[in-house]
């Protein structure tokens, strides 16, 4: 089974620019008034390196390890069962050529091998679905944690838009608007705080 890749989360905050204009449409005037000019809306932009976020945010690192371990276990399980089925099929074919079975015995064994193959395919589909569900849970949790943190972070920073930078999806960006380290530091601090609270609750329940 091909290893499923962990989907990356993208940070996107929409912004709109509204222009107001007015003119006198009175028929008594021969010419309309000049449209009133409003000051342009100043955009305050920043970006976050997604690759760095995925490798340095503790939540991502820990969950990635969980998903990788689960993926390895799935591959190992399917490989073992696949090899056992292949061995049984080879053994059946060899004995069949040696006329070691009656026709009825051969049909029963063949039916059994077909059932094992169908069971293996069903297992692969089930494990793949479980892995995808776990990956989706991770992506949802990651998205929620980012949105929650950025909402608090931006109360003071007042950025109009925060972009995600992954590879070359942004052709050029000045390093001065790179807030990756700030975001990672803030996320890790909040994650450790939440983890500590969770441990304290567990200890209280034990008591």
C-alpha atoms as a PDB file:
ATOM      1  CA  UNK A   1       0.000   0.000   0.000  1.00  0.00           C
ATOM      2  CA  UNK A   2       1.375   3.391  -0.925  1.00  0.00           C
ATOM      3  CA  UNK A   3       2.050   5.576   2.047  1.00  0.00           C
ATOM      4  CA  UNK A   4      -0.537   8.302   2.344  1.00  0.00           C
ATOM      5  CA  UNK A   5       0.979  11.768   2.504  1.00  0.00           C
ATOM      6  CA  UNK A   6       0.013  14.145   5.262  1.00  0.00           C
ATOM      7  CA  UNK A   7      -1.943  16.926   3.928  1.00  0.00           C
ATOM      8  CA  UNK A   8      -0.428  20.456   4.700  1.00  0.00           C
ATOM      9  CA  UNK A   9      -2.504  23.180   6.292  1.00  0.00           C
ATOM     10  CA  UNK A  10      -2.715  26.601   4.599  1.00  0.00           C
ATOM     11  CA  UNK A  11      -3.326  29.846   6.489  1.00  0.00           C
ATOM     12  CA  UNK A  12      -5.644  32.269   4.691  1.00  0.00           C
ATOM     13  CA  UNK A  13      -7.321  35.425   5.995  1.00  0.00           C
ATOM     14  CA  UNK A  14      -9.515  37.188   3.413  1.00  0.00           C
ATOM     15  CA  UNK A  15      -9.474  40.918   3.035  1.00  0.00           C
ATOM     16  CA  UNK A  16     -11.670  43.269   1.060  1.00  0.00           C
ATOM     17  CA  UNK A  17     -10.992  46.766  -0.192  1.00  0.00           C
ATOM     18  CA  UNK A  18     -14.028  49.038  -0.459  1.00  0.00           C
ATOM     19  CA  UNK A  19     -14.014  52.247  -2.460  1.00  0.00           C
ATOM     20  CA  UNK A  20     -16.556  54.956  -1.860  1.00  0.00           C
ATOM     21  CA  UNK A  21     -17.500  57.499  -4.504  1.00  0.00           C
ATOM     22  CA  UNK A  22     -20.222  60.072  -4.790  1.00  0.00           C
ATOM     23  CA  UNK A  23     -21.381  62.538  -7.427  1.00  0.00           C
ATOM     24  CA  UNK A  24     -24.143  65.098  -7.761  1.00  0.00           C
ATOM     25  CA  UNK A  25     -26.692  63.811 -10.251  1.00  0.00           C
ATOM     26  CA  UNK A  26     -28.879  66.940 -10.062  1.00  0.00           C
ATOM     27  CA  UNK A  27     -30.244  67.908 -13.508  1.00  0.00           C
ATOM     28  CA  UNK A  28     -29.823  71.622 -12.639  1.00  0.00           C
ATOM     29  CA  UNK A  29     -26.053  71.376 -13.018  1.00  0.00           C
ATOM     30  CA  UNK A  30     -24.454  71.085 -16.420  1.00  0.00           C
ATOM     31  CA  UNK A  31     -21.482  69.115 -15.150  1.00  0.00           C
ATOM     32  CA  UNK A  32     -21.240  66.506 -12.430  1.00  0.00           C
ATOM     33  CA  UNK A  33     -19.044  67.040  -9.424  1.00  0.00           C
ATOM     34  CA  UNK A  34     -15.667  65.391  -9.349  1.00  0.00           C
ATOM     35  CA  UNK A  35     -15.798  62.068  -7.466  1.00  0.00           C
ATOM     36  CA  UNK A  36     -14.563  62.434  -3.922  1.00  0.00           C
ATOM     37  CA  UNK A  37     -11.216  60.696  -3.482  1.00  0.00           C
ATOM     38  CA  UNK A  38     -10.765  58.514  -0.450  1.00  0.00           C
ATOM     39  CA  UNK A  39      -7.430  57.491   1.005  1.00  0.00           C
ATOM     40  CA  UNK A  40      -6.317  54.052  -0.182  1.00  0.00           C
ATOM     41  CA  UNK A  41      -6.715  51.247   2.297  1.00  0.00           C
ATOM     42  CA  UNK A  42      -3.276  50.374   3.670  1.00  0.00           C
ATOM     43  CA  UNK A  43      -2.536  46.668   3.535  1.00  0.00           C
ATOM     44  CA  UNK A  44      -0.428  45.157   6.264  1.00  0.00           C
ATOM     45  CA  UNK A  45       0.776  41.813   4.940  1.00  0.00           C
ATOM     46  CA  UNK A  46       2.744  38.937   6.470  1.00  0.00           C
ATOM     47  CA  UNK A  47       3.470  35.336   5.560  1.00  0.00           C
ATOM     48  CA  UNK A  48       4.250  32.039   7.258  1.00  0.00           C
ATOM     49  CA  UNK A  49       6.516  29.303   5.879  1.00  0.00           C
ATOM     50  CA  UNK A  50       4.337  26.173   5.916  1.00  0.00           C
ATOM     51  CA  UNK A  51       7.318  23.791   5.621  1.00  0.00           C
ATOM     52  CA  UNK A  52       8.875  25.241   8.769  1.00  0.00           C
ATOM     53  CA  UNK A  53       5.541  25.150  10.553  1.00  0.00           C
ATOM     54  CA  UNK A  54       5.115  21.447   9.796  1.00  0.00           C
ATOM     55  CA  UNK A  55       8.605  20.542  11.036  1.00  0.00           C
ATOM     56  CA  UNK A  56       8.880  22.841  14.076  1.00  0.00           C
ATOM     57  CA  UNK A  57       5.377  23.050  15.533  1.00  0.00           C
ATOM     58  CA  UNK A  58       5.372  20.412  18.290  1.00  0.00           C
ATOM     59  CA  UNK A  59       1.795  19.367  17.583  1.00  0.00           C
ATOM     60  CA  UNK A  60       2.688  18.651  13.938  1.00  0.00           C
ATOM     61  CA  UNK A  61       5.864  16.800  14.899  1.00  0.00           C
ATOM     62  CA  UNK A  62       4.103  14.561  17.399  1.00  0.00           C
ATOM     63  CA  UNK A  63       1.102  13.827  15.197  1.00  0.00           C
ATOM     64  CA  UNK A  64       3.354  13.159  12.194  1.00  0.00           C
ATOM     65  CA  UNK A  65       5.182  10.521  14.214  1.00  0.00           C
ATOM     66  CA  UNK A  66       1.847   8.923  15.160  1.00  0.00           C
ATOM     67  CA  UNK A  67       0.720   8.830  11.531  1.00  0.00           C
ATOM     68  CA  UNK A  68       4.053   7.476  10.310  1.00  0.00           C
ATOM     69  CA  UNK A  69       3.977   4.695  12.913  1.00  0.00           C
ATOM     70  CA  UNK A  70       0.396   3.828  11.974  1.00  0.00           C
ATOM     71  CA  UNK A  71       1.327   3.768   8.297  1.00  0.00           C
ATOM     72  CA  UNK A  72       4.269   1.439   8.945  1.00  0.00           C
ATOM     73  CA  UNK A  73       2.073  -0.911  10.988  1.00  0.00           C
ATOM     74  CA  UNK A  74      -0.512  -1.029   8.204  1.00  0.00           C
ATOM     75  CA  UNK A  75       2.127  -1.772   5.581  1.00  0.00           C
ATOM     76  CA  UNK A  76       3.691  -4.462   7.754  1.00  0.00           C
ATOM     77  CA  UNK A  77       0.336  -6.150   8.436  1.00  0.00           C
ATOM     78  CA  UNK A  78      -0.674  -6.163   4.774  1.00  0.00           C
ATOM     79  CA  UNK A  79       2.746  -7.347   3.666  1.00  0.00           C
ATOM     80  CA  UNK A  80       2.742 -10.288   6.081  1.00  0.00           C
ATOM     81  CA  UNK A  81      -0.756 -11.383   5.096  1.00  0.00           C
ATOM     82  CA  UNK A  82       0.041 -10.907   1.422  1.00  0.00           C
ATOM     83  CA  UNK A  83       3.173 -13.019   1.655  1.00  0.00           C
ATOM     84  CA  UNK A  84       1.296 -15.769   3.526  1.00  0.00           C
ATOM     85  CA  UNK A  85      -1.403 -15.799   0.850  1.00  0.00           C
ATOM     86  CA  UNK A  86       1.169 -15.887  -1.944  1.00  0.00           C
ATOM     87  CA  UNK A  87       2.986 -18.767  -0.274  1.00  0.00           C
ATOM     88  CA  UNK A  88      -0.259 -20.725   0.083  1.00  0.00           C
ATOM     89  CA  UNK A  89      -1.144 -20.068  -3.549  1.00  0.00           C
ATOM     90  CA  UNK A  90       2.311 -21.230  -4.725  1.00  0.00           C
ATOM     91  CA  UNK A  91       2.047 -24.363  -2.611  1.00  0.00           C
ATOM     92  CA  UNK A  92      -1.414 -25.099  -4.023  1.00  0.00           C
ATOM     93  CA  UNK A  93      -0.210 -24.653  -7.593  1.00  0.00           C
ATOM     94  CA  UNK A  94       2.780 -26.914  -7.032  1.00  0.00           C
ATOM     95  CA  UNK A  95       0.707 -29.739  -5.535  1.00  0.00           C
ATOM     96  CA  UNK A  96      -1.946 -29.273  -8.197  1.00  0.00           C
ATOM     97  CA  UNK A  97       0.651 -29.928 -10.877  1.00  0.00           C
ATOM     98  CA  UNK A  98       1.696 -33.047  -8.972  1.00  0.00           C
ATOM     99  CA  UNK A  99      -1.932 -34.277  -8.965  1.00  0.00           C
ATOM    100  CA  UNK A 100      -1.907 -34.291  -5.157  1.00  0.00           C
ATOM    101  CA  UNK A 101      -5.571 -33.271  -4.922  1.00  0.00           C
ATOM    102  CA  UNK A 102      -8.801 -34.679  -6.094  1.00  0.00           C
ATOM    103  CA  UNK A 103     -10.944 -32.332  -8.160  1.00  0.00           C
ATOM    104  CA  UNK A 104     -13.200 -31.654  -5.187  1.00  0.00           C
ATOM    105  CA  UNK A 105     -10.235 -30.926  -2.889  1.00  0.00           C
ATOM    106  CA  UNK A 106      -8.691 -28.594  -5.456  1.00  0.00           C
ATOM    107  CA  UNK A 107     -11.930 -26.646  -5.828  1.00  0.00           C
ATOM    108  CA  UNK A 108     -12.279 -26.276  -2.048  1.00  0.00           C
ATOM    109  CA  UNK A 109      -8.702 -25.064  -1.621  1.00  0.00           C
ATOM    110  CA  UNK A 110      -9.035 -22.656  -4.536  1.00  0.00           C
ATOM    111  CA  UNK A 111     -12.253 -21.253  -3.076  1.00  0.00           C
ATOM    112  CA  UNK A 112     -10.491 -20.802   0.252  1.00  0.00           C
ATOM    113  CA  UNK A 113      -7.620 -18.909  -1.399  1.00  0.00           C
ATOM    114  CA  UNK A 114     -10.055 -16.657  -3.229  1.00  0.00           C
ATOM    115  CA  UNK A 115     -11.805 -15.872   0.056  1.00  0.00           C
ATOM    116  CA  UNK A 116      -8.470 -15.056   1.715  1.00  0.00           C
ATOM    117  CA  UNK A 117      -7.654 -12.721  -1.165  1.00  0.00           C
ATOM    118  CA  UNK A 118     -11.032 -10.997  -0.869  1.00  0.00           C
ATOM    119  CA  UNK A 119     -10.559 -10.674   2.912  1.00  0.00           C
ATOM    120  CA  UNK A 120      -7.111  -9.158   2.365  1.00  0.00           C
ATOM    121  CA  UNK A 121      -8.504  -6.590  -0.066  1.00  0.00           C
ATOM    122  CA  UNK A 122     -11.272  -5.715   2.380  1.00  0.00           C
ATOM    123  CA  UNK A 123      -8.705  -5.340   5.172  1.00  0.00           C
ATOM    124  CA  UNK A 124      -6.585  -3.060   3.021  1.00  0.00           C
ATOM    125  CA  UNK A 125      -9.582  -0.856   2.261  1.00  0.00           C
ATOM    126  CA  UNK A 126     -10.608  -0.704   5.927  1.00  0.00           C
ATOM    127  CA  UNK A 127      -7.111   0.143   7.167  1.00  0.00           C
ATOM    128  CA  UNK A 128      -6.669   2.734   4.433  1.00  0.00           C
ATOM    129  CA  UNK A 129      -9.992   4.356   5.380  1.00  0.00           C
ATOM    130  CA  UNK A 130      -8.995   4.406   9.064  1.00  0.00           C
ATOM    131  CA  UNK A 131      -5.659   6.002   8.202  1.00  0.00           C
ATOM    132  CA  UNK A 132      -7.344   8.633   6.036  1.00  0.00           C
ATOM    133  CA  UNK A 133      -9.816   9.403   8.829  1.00  0.00           C
ATOM    134  CA  UNK A 134      -6.931   9.841  11.277  1.00  0.00           C
ATOM    135  CA  UNK A 135      -5.146  12.122   8.809  1.00  0.00           C
ATOM    136  CA  UNK A 136      -8.306  14.196   8.357  1.00  0.00           C
ATOM    137  CA  UNK A 137      -8.641  14.559  12.133  1.00  0.00           C
ATOM    138  CA  UNK A 138      -5.072  15.835  12.254  1.00  0.00           C
ATOM    139  CA  UNK A 139      -5.722  18.381   9.489  1.00  0.00           C
ATOM    140  CA  UNK A 140      -8.884  19.642  11.196  1.00  0.00           C
ATOM    141  CA  UNK A 141      -7.119  19.939  14.552  1.00  0.00           C
ATOM    142  CA  UNK A 142      -4.175  21.729  12.928  1.00  0.00           C
ATOM    143  CA  UNK A 143      -6.467  24.150  11.106  1.00  0.00           C
ATOM    144  CA  UNK A 144      -8.439  24.895  14.276  1.00  0.00           C
ATOM    145  CA  UNK A 145      -5.304  25.499  16.359  1.00  0.00           C
ATOM    146  CA  UNK A 146      -3.904  27.868  13.717  1.00  0.00           C
ATOM    147  CA  UNK A 147      -7.123  29.834  13.360  1.00  0.00           C
ATOM    148  CA  UNK A 148      -7.563  30.103  17.122  1.00  0.00           C
ATOM    149  CA  UNK A 149      -3.986  31.281  17.650  1.00  0.00           C
ATOM    150  CA  UNK A 150      -3.952  33.715  14.717  1.00  0.00           C
ATOM    151  CA  UNK A 151      -7.200  35.313  15.912  1.00  0.00           C
ATOM    152  CA  UNK A 152      -5.533  36.201  19.230  1.00  0.00           C
ATOM    153  CA  UNK A 153      -2.149  36.981  17.657  1.00  0.00           C
ATOM    154  CA  UNK A 154      -3.642  39.467  15.184  1.00  0.00           C
ATOM    155  CA  UNK A 155      -5.560  41.479  17.781  1.00  0.00           C
ATOM    156  CA  UNK A 156      -2.362  43.401  18.448  1.00  0.00           C
ATOM    157  CA  UNK A 157      -0.510  42.923  15.173  1.00  0.00           C
ATOM    158  CA  UNK A 158      -3.412  44.112  13.011  1.00  0.00           C
ATOM    159  CA  UNK A 159      -2.360  42.344   9.825  1.00  0.00           C
ATOM    160  CA  UNK A 160      -4.771  42.747   6.936  1.00  0.00           C
ATOM    161  CA  UNK A 161      -3.783  39.393   5.472  1.00  0.00           C
ATOM    162  CA  UNK A 162      -1.516  36.530   6.519  1.00  0.00           C
ATOM    163  CA  UNK A 163      -0.391  34.324   3.656  1.00  0.00           C
ATOM    164  CA  UNK A 164       0.938  30.801   3.624  1.00  0.00           C
ATOM    165  CA  UNK A 165       4.227  30.286   1.765  1.00  0.00           C
ATOM    166  CA  UNK A 166       4.903  26.768   0.541  1.00  0.00           C
ATOM    167  CA  UNK A 167       7.663  26.224  -2.001  1.00  0.00           C
ATOM    168  CA  UNK A 168       7.297  28.755  -4.807  1.00  0.00           C
ATOM    169  CA  UNK A 169       3.592  29.531  -4.445  1.00  0.00           C
ATOM    170  CA  UNK A 170       4.645  33.104  -3.633  1.00  0.00           C
ATOM    171  CA  UNK A 171       6.999  34.433  -6.315  1.00  0.00           C
ATOM    172  CA  UNK A 172       8.620  37.056  -4.097  1.00  0.00           C
ATOM    173  CA  UNK A 173       8.261  38.216  -0.524  1.00  0.00           C
ATOM    174  CA  UNK A 174      10.509  40.429   1.562  1.00  0.00           C
ATOM    175  CA  UNK A 175      11.919  38.569   4.569  1.00  0.00           C
ATOM    176  CA  UNK A 176      10.854  41.517   6.692  1.00  0.00           C
ATOM    177  CA  UNK A 177       7.247  40.311   6.575  1.00  0.00           C
ATOM    178  CA  UNK A 178       8.146  36.724   7.462  1.00  0.00           C
ATOM    179  CA  UNK A 179       6.455  36.010  10.819  1.00  0.00           C
ATOM    180  CA  UNK A 180       7.067  32.245  10.775  1.00  0.00           C
ATOM    181  CA  UNK A 181       9.245  32.163  13.890  1.00  0.00           C
ATOM    182  CA  UNK A 182       6.771  34.280  15.858  1.00  0.00           C
ATOM    183  CA  UNK A 183       3.894  32.004  14.919  1.00  0.00           C
ATOM    184  CA  UNK A 184       5.804  28.792  15.692  1.00  0.00           C
ATOM    185  CA  UNK A 185       7.000  30.129  19.042  1.00  0.00           C
ATOM    186  CA  UNK A 186       3.486  31.210  19.994  1.00  0.00           C
ATOM    187  CA  UNK A 187       1.914  27.941  18.872  1.00  0.00           C
ATOM    188  CA  UNK A 188       4.451  25.844  20.789  1.00  0.00           C
ATOM    189  CA  UNK A 189       3.970  27.916  23.921  1.00  0.00           C
ATOM    190  CA  UNK A 190       0.195  27.479  23.741  1.00  0.00           C
ATOM    191  CA  UNK A 191       0.560  23.759  22.949  1.00  0.00           C
ATOM    192  CA  UNK A 192       2.822  23.128  25.931  1.00  0.00           C
ATOM    193  CA  UNK A 193       0.437  25.043  28.166  1.00  0.00           C
ATOM    194  CA  UNK A 194      -2.531  22.965  26.972  1.00  0.00           C
ATOM    195  CA  UNK A 195      -0.518  19.747  27.338  1.00  0.00           C
ATOM    196  CA  UNK A 196       0.371  20.671  30.926  1.00  0.00           C
ATOM    197  CA  UNK A 197      -3.283  21.337  31.763  1.00  0.00           C
ATOM    198  CA  UNK A 198      -4.254  18.013  30.236  1.00  0.00           C
ATOM    199  CA  UNK A 199      -1.682  16.170  32.362  1.00  0.00           C
ATOM    200  CA  UNK A 200      -2.857  17.942  35.511  1.00  0.00           C
ATOM    201  CA  UNK A 201      -6.453  16.887  34.799  1.00  0.00           C
ATOM    202  CA  UNK A 202      -5.347  13.282  34.356  1.00  0.00           C
ATOM    203  CA  UNK A 203      -3.512  13.364  37.682  1.00  0.00           C
ATOM    204  CA  UNK A 204      -6.590  14.804  39.419  1.00  0.00           C
ATOM    205  CA  UNK A 205      -8.773  12.010  38.039  1.00  0.00           C
ATOM    206  CA  UNK A 206      -6.337   9.389  39.364  1.00  0.00           C
ATOM    207  CA  UNK A 207      -6.686  10.855  42.834  1.00  0.00           C
END
